Amino acid sequence: MAHFSIDMSETTGASLQRYLERANAIGGLDAFVEQAVMEKIFRQTVRDVQERNAAVPAGDMELSINEAVEAVRAPLGS
């Protein structure tokens, strides 16, 4: 497990503390930060993939996706 020290303004810290108390957040600050980081990474990954594939025609993209799904679903040894 990684350990970090987080600095934030008093206003943000107080808002976060109130939010965690109201939400009765299981895991508290650790869980909140982990979820926020994972969401940020996911959203950035989606943006990166969208930008990388922006020039790919929709039909070609759908064909590639369907081929990948079929390959994953195919029985082993086929």
Protein backbone atom coordinates (compact mmCIF):
# COMPACT_ATOMS: atom_id res chain seq x y z
CA MET A 1 0.00 0.00 0.00
CA ALA A 2 1.28 3.44 -0.91
CA HIS A 3 1.24 6.29 1.59
CA PHE A 4 0.88 9.97 0.72
CA SER A 5 0.62 13.23 2.55
CA ILE A 6 -2.08 15.57 1.24
CA ASP A 7 -2.08 19.34 1.67
CA MET A 8 -5.18 21.37 0.88
CA SER A 9 -6.68 24.69 1.81
CA GLU A 10 -8.56 24.93 5.09
CA THR A 11 -11.76 25.67 3.18
CA THR A 12 -11.44 22.56 1.02
CA GLY A 13 -10.44 20.47 4.01
CA ALA A 14 -13.47 21.62 5.99
CA SER A 15 -15.78 20.97 3.03
CA LEU A 16 -14.33 17.51 2.59
CA GLN A 17 -14.71 16.73 6.28
CA ARG A 18 -18.37 17.83 6.22
CA TYR A 19 -18.99 15.78 3.07
CA LEU A 20 -17.46 12.64 4.59
CA GLU A 21 -19.51 13.10 7.76
CA ARG A 22 -22.78 13.62 5.84
CA ALA A 23 -22.08 10.72 3.51
CA ASN A 24 -21.14 8.50 6.45
CA ALA A 25 -18.33 7.41 4.16
CA ILE A 26 -17.08 3.90 4.79
CA GLY A 27 -13.28 3.97 4.72
CA GLY A 28 -13.26 7.73 5.23
CA LEU A 29 -10.67 9.85 3.54
CA ASP A 30 -8.61 6.90 2.25
CA ALA A 31 -11.54 5.44 0.34
CA PHE A 32 -12.64 8.86 -0.92
CA VAL A 33 -9.18 9.73 -2.29
CA GLU A 34 -8.71 6.30 -3.86
CA GLN A 35 -12.09 6.51 -5.61
CA ALA A 36 -11.39 10.06 -6.80
CA VAL A 37 -7.97 9.09 -8.18
CA MET A 38 -9.34 6.02 -9.98
CA GLU A 39 -12.15 8.10 -11.49
CA LYS A 40 -9.70 10.76 -12.67
CA ILE A 41 -7.41 8.15 -14.24
CA PHE A 42 -10.39 6.44 -15.93
CA ARG A 43 -11.72 9.71 -17.37
CA GLN A 44 -8.26 10.65 -18.66
CA THR A 45 -7.86 7.21 -20.23
CA VAL A 46 -11.24 7.58 -21.97
CA ARG A 47 -10.21 11.00 -23.32
CA ASP A 48 -6.89 9.61 -24.54
CA VAL A 49 -8.59 6.73 -26.36
CA GLN A 50 -11.20 9.05 -27.87
CA GLU A 51 -8.49 11.40 -29.14
CA ARG A 52 -6.38 8.53 -30.49
CA ASN A 53 -9.36 7.05 -32.35
CA ALA A 54 -11.01 10.29 -33.50
CA ALA A 55 -9.94 9.74 -37.12
CA VAL A 56 -11.13 6.12 -37.27
CA PRO A 57 -14.45 5.80 -39.15
CA ALA A 58 -17.31 4.57 -36.93
CA GLY A 59 -17.90 1.49 -39.11
CA ASP A 60 -14.25 0.45 -38.86
CA MET A 61 -14.30 0.95 -35.10
CA GLU A 62 -17.46 -1.14 -34.71
CA LEU A 63 -15.97 -3.91 -36.87
CA SER A 64 -12.81 -3.96 -34.77
CA ILE A 65 -14.82 -4.10 -31.56
CA ASN A 66 -17.03 -6.91 -32.85
CA GLU A 67 -13.97 -8.93 -33.95
CA ALA A 68 -12.36 -8.47 -30.54
CA VAL A 69 -15.55 -9.55 -28.75
CA GLU A 70 -15.87 -12.63 -30.97
CA ALA A 71 -12.24 -13.56 -30.32
CA VAL A 72 -12.70 -13.29 -26.56
CA ARG A 73 -15.91 -15.33 -26.63
CA ALA A 74 -14.52 -18.04 -28.91
CA PRO A 75 -13.89 -21.40 -27.24
CA LEU A 76 -10.25 -22.13 -26.44
CA GLY A 77 -8.42 -23.96 -29.20
CA SER A 78 -10.61 -22.58 -32.01
